[in-house]
Amino acid sequence: MKVSFQTPSNPRSTAMDLDALLAQEIEELNRDTEEDRRVKEAVIVAKRDPNKISGDDDDSSDDDLVEAGMYPHYSDDDDYYEDDLELRDPELFRITERNRQILLDDDQHMPARKKSISAAARPPELVFSDPPMTVTEPDRIVVNFSYGTSPNRPVTKSRKYLMACDFGEESTYAMNWAMGTMLRDGDEIHVAAVVNIEDDVDDMDEDEKYRLWQELDRKSKALISQVRTKLGEMLLFNIKITIYSIAGQTKETLLDLICNTPLTMVVCGSREKGAFKGLLMGSVSTFLVHNAPVPVSVVRPQKKAKISKRKMTAAQKLSQSVRSGQLKVDEVAGAAPNSHT
């Protein structure tokens, strides 16, 4: 079978046909239609190259670019831009106007917590109220005083903590930890110490009552001194303090005080053998944890790292160390002393 190829008789006419088709397509693309008329005209804004580093040797300045029309120019007397912004984006315009002046006392946009802090102005001097108010009964001494009293009260709700103390290391640590960690402006603290007695106060004679009164007074003054020392180191104000020195059985006395006082939390120490068995975890602390109507936090002091003590021994003689095997000496049989040949 023979295959033959036909070449166009006039290659020039084929090129002309392609040019005509291309011109027709270009004309179709440039034809103005109704759909094209609905498209908004694009606005091209000439902007400065952000990657260009301007230097002293630059020929063009910002003023030249403004004159050339590359930067829009707004004069100080012309507030067309602001008026236009007010129409285009009212919210942005309102925020811009508000941010022109920053007011320090703008309570409208201040969080609630900051409002309460600013409302409760700190007094110029943080001092204890003097004299304290003391209430005495046959079996107790109750002392009320305050620290950093301010006429303005904080908006936040006051929290009330009761701290049991027997003047041992652990209970003192728990009391200091609670005041230094949990206490805030406007809170109340109740600190209680119990003089453990087996008999009823009414059954005591006058001498026993007098000795009990001396013990209650001593503990009350000691608690006041500790609380004053700790709070005097803190920048808190509007703190109410109530000191209890009560005679009775430890567990029942503390539980009765907790049940009759509106409290947020009770804080006590553990593992101390003090005047009333030190709020041992397993005795008083466990009793309060299981029976108190409010949460009880038992604070343990941080354990101190044990320092290992090594016993120093005297240095032994060289011959004795060799005999005991602690020191070995390498010897070469028949070795002669060093000599120069």
Protein backbone atom coordinates (compact mmCIF):
# COMPACT_ATOMS: atom_id res chain seq x y z
CA MET A 1 0.00 0.00 0.00
CA LYS A 2 1.34 3.39 -0.92
CA VAL A 3 0.90 6.36 1.46
CA SER A 4 1.24 9.84 0.16
CA PHE A 5 1.35 13.19 2.03
CA GLN A 6 -0.18 16.35 0.68
CA THR A 7 1.41 19.66 1.50
CA PRO A 8 -0.58 22.85 1.34
CA SER A 9 -0.25 24.51 -1.94
CA ASN A 10 0.17 27.93 -0.31
CA PRO A 11 1.68 27.93 3.24
CA ARG A 12 1.26 31.65 3.38
CA SER A 13 -2.55 31.39 3.25
CA THR A 14 -2.55 29.05 6.29
CA ALA A 15 -0.62 31.60 8.39
CA MET A 16 -3.09 34.28 7.35
CA ASP A 17 -6.01 32.12 8.47
CA LEU A 18 -4.42 31.69 11.94
CA ASP A 19 -3.88 35.41 12.24
CA ALA A 20 -7.49 36.02 11.36
CA LEU A 21 -8.69 33.56 13.99
CA LEU A 22 -6.44 35.16 16.62
CA ALA A 23 -7.66 38.62 15.76
CA GLN A 24 -11.24 37.42 16.00
CA GLU A 25 -10.63 35.97 19.48
CA ILE A 26 -8.99 39.19 20.65
CA GLU A 27 -11.93 41.15 19.36
CA GLU A 28 -14.30 38.87 21.27
CA LEU A 29 -12.33 39.40 24.47
CA ASN A 30 -12.32 43.18 24.11
CA ARG A 31 -15.99 43.43 23.27
CA ASP A 32 -17.85 45.42 25.94
CA THR A 33 -20.76 43.38 27.30
CA GLU A 34 -23.49 44.03 29.86
CA GLU A 35 -21.74 41.78 32.38
CA ASP A 36 -18.51 43.75 32.02
CA ARG A 37 -20.34 47.00 32.70
CA ARG A 38 -21.51 45.68 36.09
CA VAL A 39 -17.91 45.20 37.28
CA LYS A 40 -16.57 48.18 39.23
CA GLU A 41 -13.53 49.91 37.91
CA ALA A 42 -10.32 48.95 39.71
CA VAL A 43 -8.35 51.62 41.54
CA ILE A 44 -4.59 51.20 41.43
CA VAL A 45 -2.72 52.90 44.27
CA ALA A 46 1.01 53.32 43.95
CA LYS A 47 2.71 52.33 47.19
CA ARG A 48 6.26 52.53 48.35
CA ASP A 49 8.33 49.35 48.27
CA PRO A 50 8.23 47.98 51.86
CA ASN A 51 11.53 46.15 51.36
CA LYS A 52 13.38 49.27 50.34
CA ILE A 53 15.64 50.77 53.01
CA SER A 54 15.52 54.52 52.88
CA GLY A 55 18.81 56.33 53.39
CA ASP A 56 20.29 59.75 53.25
CA ASP A 57 21.24 59.32 49.60
CA ASP A 58 17.70 58.62 48.44
CA ASP A 59 16.67 60.92 45.63
CA SER A 60 12.96 60.75 46.43
CA SER A 61 11.46 61.82 49.73
CA ASP A 62 7.99 61.44 51.15
CA ASP A 63 7.11 64.96 50.04
CA ASP A 64 8.16 64.15 46.48
CA LEU A 65 6.02 61.04 46.52
CA VAL A 66 3.07 63.03 47.78
CA GLU A 67 3.53 65.57 45.02
CA ALA A 68 3.81 62.75 42.50
CA GLY A 69 0.50 61.37 43.71
CA MET A 70 1.91 58.14 45.12
CA TYR A 71 0.90 59.03 48.70
CA PRO A 72 -2.45 60.49 49.61
CA HIS A 73 -2.00 63.83 51.33
CA TYR A 74 -4.16 64.93 54.24
CA SER A 75 -3.65 68.38 55.62
CA ASP A 76 -4.28 69.26 59.23
CA ASP A 77 -7.09 71.61 58.28
CA ASP A 78 -8.77 69.09 56.06
CA ASP A 79 -10.81 66.55 58.02
CA TYR A 80 -12.33 64.92 54.99
CA TYR A 81 -10.64 61.64 55.87
CA GLU A 82 -12.17 61.58 59.35
CA ASP A 83 -15.60 62.43 58.02
CA ASP A 84 -15.28 59.77 55.38
CA LEU A 85 -14.22 57.23 58.05
CA GLU A 86 -17.26 58.09 60.11
CA LEU A 87 -19.48 57.24 57.15
CA ARG A 88 -17.58 54.14 56.04
CA ASP A 89 -16.94 52.53 59.43
CA PRO A 90 -18.79 54.18 62.34
CA GLU A 91 -17.49 51.70 64.92
CA LEU A 92 -13.85 52.23 63.94
CA PHE A 93 -14.39 55.98 63.99
CA ARG A 94 -15.91 55.80 67.49
CA ILE A 95 -13.00 53.70 68.80
CA THR A 96 -10.48 56.07 67.21
CA GLU A 97 -12.08 59.08 68.83
CA ARG A 98 -12.19 57.37 72.22
CA ASN A 99 -8.52 56.42 72.00
CA ARG A 100 -7.42 59.99 71.40
CA GLN A 101 -7.44 60.48 75.18
CA ILE A 102 -6.69 57.68 77.65
CA LEU A 103 -8.45 58.28 80.96
CA LEU A 104 -6.83 56.72 84.01
CA ASP A 105 -10.10 56.59 85.93
CA ASP A 106 -12.12 55.01 83.16
CA ASP A 107 -14.24 52.59 85.18
CA GLN A 108 -16.40 51.74 82.19
CA HIS A 109 -13.83 49.42 80.64
CA MET A 110 -12.06 48.32 83.85
CA PRO A 111 -12.38 44.68 84.98
CA ALA A 112 -14.37 43.98 88.13
CA ARG A 113 -11.28 42.87 90.08
CA LYS A 114 -9.43 46.11 89.27
CA LYS A 115 -12.50 48.11 90.21
CA SER A 116 -12.56 46.54 93.65
CA ILE A 117 -8.85 47.20 94.19
CA SER A 118 -9.06 50.83 93.13
CA ALA A 119 -12.26 51.38 95.14
CA ALA A 120 -10.66 50.09 98.33
CA ALA A 121 -7.99 52.76 98.65
CA ARG A 122 -5.07 51.67 100.76
CA PRO A 123 -4.71 53.78 103.92
CA PRO A 124 -1.63 56.01 104.13
CA GLU A 125 -0.34 54.07 107.15
CA LEU A 126 -0.81 50.38 107.99
CA VAL A 127 -1.28 50.17 111.76
CA PHE A 128 -3.19 48.05 114.27
CA SER A 129 -6.31 49.41 115.91
CA ASP A 130 -5.63 50.56 119.45
CA PRO A 131 -6.92 49.68 121.94
CA PRO A 132 -8.27 46.23 121.01
CA MET A 133 -11.70 45.13 122.19
CA THR A 134 -11.51 42.35 124.80
CA VAL A 135 -14.34 40.08 125.93
CA THR A 136 -13.70 37.94 129.01
CA GLU A 137 -15.64 34.97 130.34
CA PRO A 138 -14.76 32.41 133.05
CA ASP A 139 -13.47 29.91 130.47
CA ARG A 140 -12.16 32.17 127.68
CA ILE A 141 -10.62 35.45 126.56
CA VAL A 142 -11.61 36.86 123.16
CA VAL A 143 -9.69 39.82 121.70
CA ASN A 144 -10.80 41.70 118.56
CA PHE A 145 -8.68 44.20 116.64
CA SER A 146 -7.94 45.16 113.03
CA TYR A 147 -4.98 45.96 110.81
CA GLY A 148 -4.77 48.66 108.13
CA THR A 149 -8.29 49.99 108.59
CA SER A 150 -9.52 51.93 105.56
CA PRO A 151 -12.83 53.81 105.17
CA ASN A 152 -13.32 52.22 101.75
CA ARG A 153 -14.26 48.57 101.80
CA PRO A 154 -13.37 46.15 98.97
CA VAL A 155 -16.18 44.99 96.75
CA THR A 156 -15.12 41.33 96.86
CA LYS A 157 -16.59 39.04 99.51
CA SER A 158 -14.52 38.66 102.66
CA ARG A 159 -13.04 35.23 103.43
CA LYS A 160 -12.76 33.97 106.99
CA TYR A 161 -10.04 31.57 108.19
CA LEU A 162 -9.60 29.89 111.56
CA MET A 163 -6.08 28.86 112.56
CA ALA A 164 -5.45 26.54 115.51
CA CYS A 165 -2.18 27.10 117.33
CA ASP A 166 -0.43 25.38 120.24
CA PHE A 167 2.83 27.39 119.87
CA GLY A 168 4.71 24.38 118.51
CA GLU A 169 6.93 24.60 115.45
CA GLU A 170 4.46 22.92 113.08
CA SER A 171 1.37 24.84 114.17
CA THR A 172 3.29 28.13 114.04
CA TYR A 173 4.47 27.23 110.54
CA ALA A 174 0.88 26.48 109.47
CA MET A 175 -0.36 29.81 110.86
CA ASN A 176 2.39 31.81 109.15
CA TRP A 177 1.84 29.91 105.90
CA ALA A 178 -1.89 30.63 105.93
CA MET A 179 -1.43 34.35 106.61
CA GLY A 180 1.34 34.69 104.04
CA THR A 181 -0.29 32.61 101.29
CA MET A 182 -4.07 32.70 101.61
CA LEU A 183 -4.81 36.05 103.22
CA ARG A 184 -6.07 38.92 101.01
CA ASP A 185 -7.27 42.47 101.60
CA GLY A 186 -10.52 42.56 103.56
CA ASP A 187 -10.28 39.00 104.95
CA GLU A 188 -10.83 37.88 108.54
CA ILE A 189 -8.61 35.58 110.59
CA HIS A 190 -9.54 33.75 113.78
CA VAL A 191 -6.65 32.31 115.79
CA ALA A 192 -7.45 29.89 118.62
CA ALA A 193 -5.41 28.31 121.41
CA VAL A 194 -6.89 25.79 123.86
CA VAL A 195 -5.87 25.20 127.47
CA ASN A 196 -6.72 21.54 127.93
CA ILE A 197 -8.58 20.84 131.19
CA GLU A 198 -10.49 17.78 132.35
CA ASP A 199 -12.80 19.37 134.95
CA ASP A 200 -15.48 21.97 134.45
CA VAL A 201 -14.49 25.54 135.31
CA ASP A 202 -17.46 25.88 137.65
CA ASP A 203 -16.15 22.97 139.75
CA MET A 204 -12.74 24.61 140.34
CA ASP A 205 -11.82 26.51 143.47
CA GLU A 206 -10.61 30.09 143.42
CA ASP A 207 -6.91 29.22 143.25
CA GLU A 208 -7.44 26.88 140.29
CA LYS A 209 -9.55 29.49 138.52
CA TYR A 210 -6.84 32.11 139.07
CA ARG A 211 -4.10 29.85 137.69
CA LEU A 212 -6.32 29.00 134.72
CA TRP A 213 -6.95 32.68 134.12
CA GLN A 214 -3.22 33.40 134.15
CA GLU A 215 -2.66 30.63 131.59
CA LEU A 216 -5.45 31.93 129.35
CA ASP A 217 -4.07 35.47 129.57
CA ARG A 218 -0.54 34.30 128.76
CA LYS A 219 -1.67 32.38 125.67
CA SER A 220 -3.84 35.26 124.50
CA LYS A 221 -0.97 37.75 124.69
CA ALA A 222 1.39 35.31 122.97
CA LEU A 223 -1.06 34.83 120.07
CA ILE A 224 -1.53 38.59 119.71
CA SER A 225 2.25 39.06 119.56
CA GLN A 226 2.67 36.39 116.86
CA VAL A 227 -0.15 37.75 114.72
CA ARG A 228 1.10 41.34 115.01
CA THR A 229 4.62 40.29 114.03
CA LYS A 230 3.46 38.40 110.92
CA LEU A 231 0.90 40.95 109.70
CA GLY A 232 3.36 43.79 110.29
CA GLU A 233 5.49 42.31 107.49
CA MET A 234 2.61 42.26 104.99
CA LEU A 235 1.09 45.04 102.86
CA LEU A 236 -2.53 44.11 103.55
CA PHE A 237 -5.34 46.31 104.81
CA ASN A 238 -8.83 45.99 106.26
CA ILE A 239 -7.85 42.77 108.04
CA LYS A 240 -10.02 41.77 111.01
CA ILE A 241 -8.37 39.63 113.69
CA THR A 242 -10.03 37.67 116.49
CA ILE A 243 -7.91 35.88 119.10
CA TYR A 244 -9.42 33.06 121.18
CA SER A 245 -7.86 31.63 124.33
CA ILE A 246 -10.28 28.96 125.58
CA ALA A 247 -10.24 26.40 128.38
CA GLY A 248 -11.72 22.97 127.72
CA GLN A 249 -11.11 19.66 126.00
CA THR A 250 -9.16 20.29 122.82
CA LYS A 251 -11.19 18.46 120.17
CA GLU A 252 -14.64 19.40 121.43
CA THR A 253 -13.65 23.02 122.12
CA LEU A 254 -12.24 23.58 118.63
CA LEU A 255 -15.18 21.86 116.94
CA ASP A 256 -17.67 23.94 118.94
CA LEU A 257 -15.84 27.13 117.95
CA ILE A 258 -15.83 26.11 114.28
CA CYS A 259 -19.54 25.27 114.29
CA ASN A 260 -20.50 28.61 115.87
CA THR A 261 -18.30 30.82 113.66
CA PRO A 262 -18.98 31.52 109.96
CA LEU A 263 -15.76 30.31 108.31
CA THR A 264 -14.35 29.68 104.86
CA MET A 265 -11.61 27.24 105.93
CA VAL A 266 -9.78 25.86 108.98
CA VAL A 267 -5.97 25.64 108.94
CA CYS A 268 -3.95 23.54 111.39
CA GLY A 269 -0.54 21.93 111.60
CA SER A 270 0.45 18.31 112.08
CA ARG A 271 3.08 16.00 113.61
CA GLU A 272 3.87 18.17 116.59
CA LYS A 273 3.85 17.23 120.27
CA GLY A 274 2.98 20.49 121.93
CA ALA A 275 0.76 21.63 124.75
CA PHE A 276 -2.31 19.73 123.58
CA LYS A 277 -0.58 16.95 121.62
CA GLY A 278 0.08 19.44 118.88
CA LEU A 279 -2.72 18.77 116.43
CA LEU A 280 -1.20 15.40 115.62
CA MET A 281 -2.35 13.98 112.31
CA GLY A 282 -4.37 11.09 113.65
CA SER A 283 -5.76 12.91 116.70
CA VAL A 284 -7.02 16.51 116.61
CA SER A 285 -6.40 17.12 112.89
CA THR A 286 -8.13 13.91 111.85
CA PHE A 287 -11.02 14.69 114.20
CA LEU A 288 -11.50 18.12 112.62
CA VAL A 289 -11.18 16.76 109.08
CA HIS A 290 -13.97 14.24 109.69
CA ASN A 291 -16.29 16.37 111.83
CA ALA A 292 -15.84 20.05 110.89
CA PRO A 293 -18.63 21.55 108.71
CA VAL A 294 -16.07 23.53 106.65
CA PRO A 295 -12.93 22.44 104.74
CA VAL A 296 -9.88 21.73 106.92
CA SER A 297 -6.38 22.23 105.55
CA VAL A 298 -3.63 20.29 107.36
CA VAL A 299 -0.28 21.94 106.65
CA ARG A 300 2.93 19.97 107.00
CA PRO A 301 6.23 21.83 107.28
CA GLN A 302 8.84 21.22 104.64
CA LYS A 303 11.26 18.47 105.50
CA LYS A 304 14.81 19.54 106.17
CA ALA A 305 17.50 17.76 104.20
CA LYS A 306 19.66 15.54 106.35
CA ILE A 307 23.32 16.49 106.42
CA SER A 308 25.57 13.44 106.27
CA LYS A 309 28.41 13.62 108.74
CA ARG A 310 31.57 11.75 107.74
CA LYS A 311 33.96 10.73 110.43
CA MET A 312 37.47 11.96 109.69
CA THR A 313 40.29 9.47 110.35
CA ALA A 314 43.94 10.22 110.88
CA ALA A 315 46.38 9.50 108.06
CA GLN A 316 48.27 6.19 108.38
CA LYS A 317 51.96 5.66 107.91
CA LEU A 318 53.19 4.52 104.51
CA SER A 319 54.55 1.20 105.80
CA GLN A 320 51.29 0.43 107.59
CA SER A 321 49.25 1.18 104.45
CA VAL A 322 51.43 -1.21 102.46
CA ARG A 323 51.02 -3.99 105.03
CA SER A 324 47.23 -3.55 105.21
CA GLY A 325 46.93 -3.74 101.41
CA GLN A 326 45.54 -0.21 100.98
CA LEU A 327 48.68 0.83 99.09
CA LYS A 328 50.65 -1.26 96.61
CA VAL A 329 54.21 -0.59 95.51
CA ASP A 330 55.48 -1.84 92.16
CA GLU A 331 58.95 -3.34 92.43
CA VAL A 332 61.20 -4.61 89.65
CA ALA A 333 63.47 -7.52 90.62
CA GLY A 334 67.16 -6.76 90.13
CA ALA A 335 66.50 -3.18 89.26
CA ALA A 336 69.55 -1.03 89.74
CA PRO A 337 69.52 2.62 90.62
CA ASN A 338 69.52 5.04 87.71
CA SER A 339 73.05 5.57 86.37
CA HIS A 340 74.43 7.51 83.46
CA THR A 341 76.76 5.66 81.09
